[in-house]
């Protein structure tokens, strides 16, 4: 009996050792968490519990809160890939899609066509713009007003093409501008192109083309063409990010309603790594939407109907206890056009808003990499 057991153990070890030469990793699965909290002060009085104008990150005044608790699940194989990302907190409540999708940041699956092509379908974070939306991914904690009016999320089909190591091209067939669920019978289009000039410099272009008038709408077409271009540069202690948006929409001018209206915005961010874990940064922004195609319209102090026009300046300090965490103290001034008084400061209307926010966040692995295997 003992000899038989020894034989079985030997046979098992021999078979396992032999097959080990023929086993390849065919897929990986990982789970990552991200949490960031904040305390913010705004000079604009919007009332307890309410979100500030242009709510995105740190949207509540004088109320320590959770900005984002995010869970990312990623699956990658030779010919299939998938992602499911869920988000909770103030960011999901004020920025994301309405229920039942407000907690779904991403949910998509992709199939490999050949070595350079992938096709993905589902719900995506936006392909559009210069800045990222979450503090942990961005150079600053807040985002510019121009970024706020960009589509934060989208759904549809994505064709991913990587012709070279430096060039990436993505083409999209979308339900609409910042929509998971389509509101009409038309489809929209988008594109994103990035190119790495060298190890320090990258450039990119993104766009969106579509008409999102709802089905019940019987007025003129409002075809929107929104374009963005950006440049990123990083060398030693200096990081630079610049970008500009230009949007044109049919039949949208305030005077006649039959001419095309335009909007443009721009930003420039500079970050200096003063020490290994400490950095300082600054950002300038401008936003001009005279016909209100993005911002909507208001009556200014002169009684004129107009869209938002503003500029802003941001400055901040960053400390990173680890590579996966950060603490930031940031201050920002937003100044509207001289006749646009949209803020309330101590009961008095104002055309300026001051922001101060303290943010802290960390990214962590719940399951770094789980590999499934097959025998050849």
Protein backbone atom coordinates (compact mmCIF):
# COMPACT_ATOMS: atom_id res chain seq x y z
CA UNK A 1 0.00 0.00 0.00
CA UNK A 2 2.81 2.38 0.88
CA UNK A 3 4.59 1.60 -2.39
CA UNK A 4 1.36 2.34 -4.24
CA UNK A 5 0.97 5.70 -2.49
CA UNK A 6 4.60 6.59 -3.22
CA UNK A 7 3.98 5.72 -6.84
CA UNK A 8 0.91 7.98 -7.01
CA UNK A 9 2.81 10.89 -5.42
CA UNK A 10 5.72 10.38 -7.82
CA UNK A 11 3.38 10.21 -10.83
CA UNK A 12 1.58 13.40 -9.74
CA UNK A 13 4.83 15.32 -9.24
CA UNK A 14 6.23 14.07 -12.55
CA UNK A 15 3.06 15.00 -14.47
CA UNK A 16 2.90 18.46 -12.85
CA UNK A 17 6.57 19.14 -13.56
CA UNK A 18 6.24 18.02 -17.18
CA UNK A 19 3.12 20.09 -17.81
CA UNK A 20 4.75 23.15 -16.27
CA UNK A 21 6.82 23.43 -19.41
CA UNK A 22 3.59 23.76 -21.45
CA UNK A 23 1.58 26.18 -19.27
CA UNK A 24 1.23 29.81 -20.31
CA UNK A 25 -0.56 32.69 -18.58
CA UNK A 26 -3.55 33.51 -20.75
CA UNK A 27 -5.40 36.10 -18.67
CA UNK A 28 -5.04 38.39 -15.65
CA UNK A 29 -7.60 39.86 -13.29
CA UNK A 30 -6.98 42.74 -10.87
CA UNK A 31 -9.01 44.81 -8.41
CA UNK A 32 -7.92 48.33 -7.43
CA UNK A 33 -9.43 50.76 -4.94
CA UNK A 34 -9.24 54.55 -4.79
CA UNK A 35 -10.56 56.82 -2.02
CA UNK A 36 -10.31 60.59 -1.65
CA UNK A 37 -11.87 62.90 0.90
CA UNK A 38 -11.96 66.68 1.22
CA UNK A 39 -12.81 69.80 3.13
CA UNK A 40 -13.61 72.90 1.08
CA UNK A 41 -14.51 76.54 1.61
CA UNK A 42 -16.32 78.65 -1.02
CA UNK A 43 -17.08 82.35 -0.76
CA UNK A 44 -20.30 81.76 -2.74
CA UNK A 45 -23.26 81.04 -0.46
CA UNK A 46 -25.44 78.27 -1.92
CA UNK A 47 -26.96 77.02 1.35
CA UNK A 48 -26.13 74.04 3.60
CA UNK A 49 -26.00 70.68 1.83
CA UNK A 50 -26.13 72.11 -1.68
CA UNK A 51 -23.55 71.61 -4.40
CA UNK A 52 -21.56 74.58 -5.66
CA UNK A 53 -21.81 75.95 -9.20
CA UNK A 54 -19.84 73.74 -11.59
CA UNK A 55 -19.85 70.83 -9.11
CA UNK A 56 -17.26 68.15 -9.74
CA UNK A 57 -14.58 67.52 -7.12
CA UNK A 58 -15.01 68.84 -3.56
CA UNK A 59 -18.45 70.33 -4.32
CA UNK A 60 -19.77 71.01 -0.78
CA UNK A 61 -18.95 74.10 1.26
CA UNK A 62 -17.77 73.82 4.88
CA UNK A 63 -18.75 70.14 5.11
CA UNK A 64 -15.98 67.50 5.28
CA UNK A 65 -17.06 64.77 2.93
CA UNK A 66 -16.18 61.83 0.70
CA UNK A 67 -15.36 62.89 -2.81
CA UNK A 68 -14.88 59.44 -4.35
CA UNK A 69 -14.71 55.82 -3.28
CA UNK A 70 -13.92 53.86 -6.43
CA UNK A 71 -13.52 50.17 -7.18
CA UNK A 72 -11.89 49.11 -10.47
CA UNK A 73 -11.98 45.54 -11.81
CA UNK A 74 -9.89 44.83 -14.90
CA UNK A 75 -9.64 41.64 -16.95
CA UNK A 76 -7.06 41.17 -19.72
CA UNK A 77 -6.46 38.19 -21.97
CA UNK A 78 -4.85 37.65 -25.35
CA UNK A 79 -8.04 38.33 -27.33
CA UNK A 80 -10.53 39.64 -24.77
CA UNK A 81 -10.50 42.46 -22.22
CA UNK A 82 -13.07 44.00 -19.90
CA UNK A 83 -13.41 46.68 -17.24
CA UNK A 84 -16.00 47.44 -14.57
CA UNK A 85 -15.47 50.57 -12.44
CA UNK A 86 -17.88 51.69 -9.74
CA UNK A 87 -17.84 55.03 -7.92
CA UNK A 88 -19.60 56.38 -4.82
CA UNK A 89 -19.58 59.75 -3.08
CA UNK A 90 -20.17 63.40 -3.97
CA UNK A 91 -18.46 63.05 -7.34
CA UNK A 92 -20.90 60.34 -8.43
CA UNK A 93 -23.86 62.28 -7.05
CA UNK A 94 -23.18 65.61 -8.77
CA UNK A 95 -21.18 64.76 -11.89
CA UNK A 96 -22.17 61.36 -13.18
CA UNK A 97 -25.15 59.94 -15.02
CA UNK A 98 -28.63 59.87 -13.45
CA UNK A 99 -29.85 56.71 -11.72
CA UNK A 100 -29.56 53.81 -12.22
CA UNK A 101 -26.12 54.50 -13.74
CA UNK A 102 -24.74 57.20 -11.43
CA UNK A 103 -22.46 54.71 -9.68
CA UNK A 104 -21.20 53.11 -12.91
CA UNK A 105 -18.04 54.87 -14.04
CA UNK A 106 -17.06 52.30 -16.66
CA UNK A 107 -18.42 48.96 -17.89
CA UNK A 108 -17.14 47.67 -21.20
CA UNK A 109 -15.79 44.61 -22.97
CA UNK A 110 -13.38 44.44 -25.90
CA UNK A 111 -12.25 41.94 -28.52
CA UNK A 112 -8.96 41.84 -30.38
CA UNK A 113 -9.23 42.02 -34.17
CA UNK A 114 -5.50 41.74 -34.82
CA UNK A 115 -2.23 42.87 -33.25
CA UNK A 116 -3.09 46.57 -33.77
CA UNK A 117 -6.91 46.69 -33.54
CA UNK A 118 -9.35 46.28 -30.63
CA UNK A 119 -13.12 46.85 -30.63
CA UNK A 120 -14.73 47.75 -27.27
CA UNK A 121 -18.40 48.25 -26.43
CA UNK A 122 -20.19 49.60 -23.37
CA UNK A 123 -19.91 52.56 -21.03
CA UNK A 124 -16.71 54.60 -20.93
CA UNK A 125 -15.17 57.51 -19.14
CA UNK A 126 -14.82 60.39 -21.56
CA UNK A 127 -12.21 60.29 -24.30
CA UNK A 128 -12.46 64.08 -24.57
CA UNK A 129 -10.35 66.88 -23.12
CA UNK A 130 -7.05 67.93 -21.57
CA UNK A 131 -7.59 67.27 -17.87
CA UNK A 132 -8.62 64.12 -16.02
CA UNK A 133 -11.65 64.34 -13.74
CA UNK A 134 -10.44 62.77 -10.48
CA UNK A 135 -7.87 64.48 -8.20
CA UNK A 136 -5.73 61.35 -7.99
CA UNK A 137 -5.27 61.35 -11.78
CA UNK A 138 -5.00 65.08 -12.31
CA UNK A 139 -2.26 67.66 -11.65
CA UNK A 140 -4.72 69.72 -9.57
CA UNK A 141 -7.62 68.78 -7.30
CA UNK A 142 -10.18 70.98 -9.06
CA UNK A 143 -10.88 71.05 -12.79
CA UNK A 144 -11.38 74.12 -14.97
CA UNK A 145 -14.81 75.41 -15.95
CA UNK A 146 -14.02 74.44 -19.54
CA UNK A 147 -13.39 70.83 -18.47
CA UNK A 148 -16.65 70.84 -16.49
CA UNK A 149 -18.64 71.50 -19.67
CA UNK A 150 -16.91 68.69 -21.57
CA UNK A 151 -18.73 65.32 -21.65
CA UNK A 152 -17.59 63.37 -18.56
CA UNK A 153 -18.86 59.98 -19.75
CA UNK A 154 -20.14 58.24 -22.88
CA UNK A 155 -21.43 54.94 -24.22
CA UNK A 156 -21.21 53.16 -27.54
CA UNK A 157 -18.51 51.49 -29.62
CA UNK A 158 -14.78 52.22 -29.62
CA UNK A 159 -12.24 51.22 -32.25
CA UNK A 160 -8.74 51.27 -30.80
CA UNK A 161 -5.86 51.36 -33.32
CA UNK A 162 -2.17 51.51 -32.35
CA UNK A 163 -0.21 51.70 -35.61
CA UNK A 164 3.08 52.44 -33.84
CA UNK A 165 4.44 52.49 -30.30
CA UNK A 166 4.10 56.29 -30.22
CA UNK A 167 0.75 56.76 -31.96
CA UNK A 168 -2.71 55.79 -30.64
CA UNK A 169 -5.98 56.38 -32.49
CA UNK A 170 -9.49 55.86 -31.06
CA UNK A 171 -12.72 56.23 -33.04
CA UNK A 172 -16.15 56.27 -31.36
CA UNK A 173 -19.77 55.68 -32.30
CA UNK A 174 -21.68 57.26 -29.39
CA UNK A 175 -25.18 57.65 -28.01
CA UNK A 176 -24.67 61.35 -27.31
CA UNK A 177 -22.80 64.14 -25.57
CA UNK A 178 -22.28 63.03 -21.97
CA UNK A 179 -24.96 60.33 -22.21
CA UNK A 180 -25.12 56.66 -21.33
CA UNK A 181 -28.66 56.28 -22.72
CA UNK A 182 -29.55 57.81 -26.09
CA UNK A 183 -32.24 60.52 -26.15
CA UNK A 184 -32.96 60.41 -29.90
CA UNK A 185 -32.60 58.19 -32.94
CA UNK A 186 -29.31 59.73 -34.07
CA UNK A 187 -25.79 58.61 -33.30
CA UNK A 188 -22.78 60.80 -32.59
CA UNK A 189 -19.13 60.41 -33.49
CA UNK A 190 -15.87 61.05 -31.69
CA UNK A 191 -12.15 60.65 -32.17
CA UNK A 192 -9.03 60.77 -30.05
CA UNK A 193 -5.44 60.81 -31.28
CA UNK A 194 -2.32 60.93 -29.10
CA UNK A 195 1.29 61.00 -30.25
CA UNK A 196 4.44 60.77 -28.14
CA UNK A 197 6.96 63.10 -29.75
CA UNK A 198 9.65 61.87 -27.38
CA UNK A 199 9.99 60.62 -23.80
CA UNK A 200 9.20 64.10 -22.47
CA UNK A 201 6.53 65.47 -24.81
CA UNK A 202 3.15 64.27 -26.00
CA UNK A 203 0.39 65.92 -28.01
CA UNK A 204 -3.22 64.99 -28.62
CA UNK A 205 -6.47 65.87 -30.35
CA UNK A 206 -10.04 64.87 -29.40
CA UNK A 207 -13.42 65.73 -30.87
CA UNK A 208 -17.16 65.14 -30.72
CA UNK A 209 -19.71 65.53 -33.54
CA UNK A 210 -23.43 65.09 -32.98
CA UNK A 211 -26.93 66.56 -32.58
CA UNK A 212 -28.54 65.74 -29.23
CA UNK A 213 -31.97 67.32 -29.68
CA UNK A 214 -34.52 65.02 -27.98
CA UNK A 215 -37.06 63.06 -30.02
CA UNK A 216 -39.94 65.43 -29.16
CA UNK A 217 -37.95 68.50 -30.35
CA UNK A 218 -39.30 70.00 -33.61
CA UNK A 219 -37.01 73.04 -33.99
CA UNK A 220 -33.91 73.52 -36.16
CA UNK A 221 -30.91 71.20 -36.05
CA UNK A 222 -28.24 71.84 -33.43
CA UNK A 223 -25.27 69.93 -34.80
CA UNK A 224 -22.39 70.35 -32.35
CA UNK A 225 -18.73 70.07 -33.32
CA UNK A 226 -16.54 70.22 -30.23
CA UNK A 227 -12.76 70.00 -30.61
CA UNK A 228 -9.87 69.85 -28.16
CA UNK A 229 -6.09 69.91 -28.54
CA UNK A 230 -3.51 69.46 -25.79
CA UNK A 231 0.20 69.22 -25.07
CA UNK A 232 1.88 67.50 -22.12
CA UNK A 233 5.53 68.01 -21.22
CA UNK A 234 7.55 66.53 -18.37
CA UNK A 235 11.29 66.86 -17.78
CA UNK A 236 13.08 66.37 -14.48
CA UNK A 237 11.23 68.54 -11.93
CA UNK A 238 8.92 70.36 -14.37
CA UNK A 239 5.52 69.21 -15.63
CA UNK A 240 3.50 71.33 -18.08
CA UNK A 241 -0.03 70.74 -19.34
CA UNK A 242 -1.77 73.01 -21.84
CA UNK A 243 -5.01 72.61 -23.76
CA UNK A 244 -7.71 74.44 -25.68
CA UNK A 245 -11.34 73.70 -26.64
CA UNK A 246 -13.33 75.15 -29.50
CA UNK A 247 -17.01 74.32 -29.98
CA UNK A 248 -19.43 75.32 -32.74
CA UNK A 249 -23.18 74.63 -32.71
CA UNK A 250 -25.75 75.22 -35.46
CA UNK A 251 -28.68 77.63 -35.10
CA UNK A 252 -27.69 78.73 -31.61
CA UNK A 253 -26.80 82.44 -31.63
CA UNK A 254 -28.81 84.62 -29.25
CA UNK A 255 -29.68 87.30 -31.79
CA UNK A 256 -31.41 85.38 -34.59
CA UNK A 257 -31.27 81.72 -33.55
CA UNK A 258 -30.32 80.82 -37.10
CA UNK A 259 -26.56 81.38 -37.02
CA UNK A 260 -23.87 79.12 -35.58
CA UNK A 261 -22.61 79.97 -32.09
CA UNK A 262 -19.15 79.29 -30.70
CA UNK A 263 -17.52 78.59 -27.35
CA UNK A 264 -13.83 78.41 -26.51
CA UNK A 265 -11.76 77.69 -23.42
CA UNK A 266 -8.09 77.22 -22.56
CA UNK A 267 -5.89 76.17 -19.66
CA UNK A 268 -2.21 76.04 -18.75
CA UNK A 269 -0.87 74.17 -15.71
CA UNK A 270 2.70 74.17 -14.35
CA UNK A 271 3.92 71.83 -11.62
CA UNK A 272 7.34 72.00 -9.98
CA UNK A 273 8.68 69.10 -7.92
CA UNK A 274 10.44 71.08 -5.21
CA UNK A 275 11.48 67.96 -3.26
CA UNK A 276 11.08 64.20 -3.54
CA UNK A 277 7.58 64.22 -2.04
CA UNK A 278 6.65 67.91 -2.20
CA UNK A 279 5.48 69.93 -5.19
CA UNK A 280 3.93 73.30 -5.97
CA UNK A 281 1.64 74.00 -8.90
CA UNK A 282 -0.34 76.73 -10.59
CA UNK A 283 -2.97 76.92 -13.30
CA UNK A 284 -4.56 79.63 -15.43
CA UNK A 285 -7.88 79.18 -17.24
CA UNK A 286 -10.25 81.11 -19.46
CA UNK A 287 -13.78 80.30 -20.64
CA UNK A 288 -15.90 82.23 -23.14
CA UNK A 289 -19.41 81.14 -24.15
CA UNK A 290 -21.12 84.38 -25.26
CA UNK A 291 -24.21 82.63 -26.63
CA UNK A 292 -24.58 80.19 -23.75
CA UNK A 293 -24.50 76.97 -25.78
CA UNK A 294 -22.72 75.21 -22.88
CA UNK A 295 -23.24 77.43 -19.84
CA UNK A 296 -26.78 78.61 -20.45
CA UNK A 297 -27.69 82.31 -20.39
CA UNK A 298 -28.28 85.04 -17.80
CA UNK A 299 -29.24 88.69 -17.68
CA UNK A 300 -26.14 90.67 -16.77
CA UNK A 301 -26.04 93.96 -14.85
CA UNK A 302 -26.78 95.92 -18.02
CA UNK A 303 -29.87 93.84 -18.83
CA UNK A 304 -28.17 92.01 -21.69
CA UNK A 305 -28.84 88.29 -22.29
CA UNK A 306 -25.48 86.53 -22.47
CA UNK A 307 -23.58 83.33 -21.71
CA UNK A 308 -20.76 82.94 -19.20
CA UNK A 309 -17.37 84.58 -19.72
CA UNK A 310 -14.67 84.19 -17.06
CA UNK A 311 -11.05 83.63 -16.15
CA UNK A 312 -9.51 81.79 -13.23
CA UNK A 313 -6.23 81.21 -11.38
CA UNK A 314 -5.29 78.25 -9.17
CA UNK A 315 -2.32 77.64 -6.85
CA UNK A 316 -1.55 74.63 -4.70
CA UNK A 317 0.84 72.59 -2.58
CA UNK A 318 1.13 68.81 -2.83
CA UNK A 319 2.68 66.31 -0.44
CA UNK A 320 2.87 62.61 -1.34
CA UNK A 321 3.43 60.36 1.72
CA UNK A 322 3.79 57.44 -0.73
CA UNK A 323 3.72 57.04 -4.49
CA UNK A 324 0.09 55.93 -4.26
CA UNK A 325 -1.20 58.74 -2.02
CA UNK A 326 -1.39 62.54 -1.91
CA UNK A 327 -2.39 65.48 0.29
CA UNK A 328 -3.14 68.80 -1.43
CA UNK A 329 -3.95 72.29 -0.25
CA UNK A 330 -5.35 74.33 -3.12
CA UNK A 331 -6.74 77.83 -3.61
CA UNK A 332 -8.59 79.21 -6.64
CA UNK A 333 -10.09 82.46 -7.85
CA UNK A 334 -12.81 82.58 -10.52
CA UNK A 335 -13.64 86.02 -11.94
CA UNK A 336 -16.68 86.44 -14.18
CA UNK A 337 -17.13 89.18 -16.76
CA UNK A 338 -17.48 92.58 -15.08
CA UNK A 339 -21.28 92.61 -15.53
CA UNK A 340 -21.98 88.94 -14.66
CA UNK A 341 -22.84 88.76 -10.96
CA UNK A 342 -23.73 85.09 -10.43
CA UNK A 343 -22.32 84.53 -6.90
CA UNK A 344 -23.67 85.51 -3.48
CA UNK A 345 -21.09 86.57 -0.88
CA UNK A 346 -22.46 87.47 2.58
CA UNK A 347 -25.85 88.31 1.10
CA UNK A 348 -24.40 90.53 -1.65
CA UNK A 349 -24.15 89.60 -5.33
CA UNK A 350 -20.60 89.23 -6.62
CA UNK A 351 -18.81 88.39 -9.86
CA UNK A 352 -15.92 86.58 -8.13
CA UNK A 353 -15.60 83.36 -6.16
CA UNK A 354 -12.75 82.23 -3.90
CA UNK A 355 -12.20 78.54 -3.22
CA UNK A 356 -9.90 76.79 -0.73
CA UNK A 357 -9.83 73.00 -0.56
CA UNK A 358 -7.88 70.34 1.29
CA UNK A 359 -7.86 66.95 -0.45
CA UNK A 360 -6.33 63.62 0.51
CA UNK A 361 -6.46 60.39 -1.45
CA UNK A 362 -4.90 56.96 -1.84
CA UNK A 363 -4.88 54.19 -4.45
CA UNK A 364 -4.44 50.59 -3.31
CA UNK A 365 -4.48 47.07 -4.73
CA UNK A 366 -7.10 44.67 -3.44
CA UNK A 367 -6.02 41.98 -5.89
CA UNK A 368 -2.89 42.91 -7.75
CA UNK A 369 -2.92 40.17 -10.36
CA UNK A 370 -4.69 36.83 -10.51
CA UNK A 371 -3.61 34.69 -13.45
CA UNK A 372 -5.63 31.93 -15.05
CA UNK A 373 -3.74 29.31 -17.03
CA UNK A 374 -4.21 26.67 -19.68
CA UNK A 375 -2.14 23.77 -20.97
CA UNK A 376 -0.90 23.81 -24.54
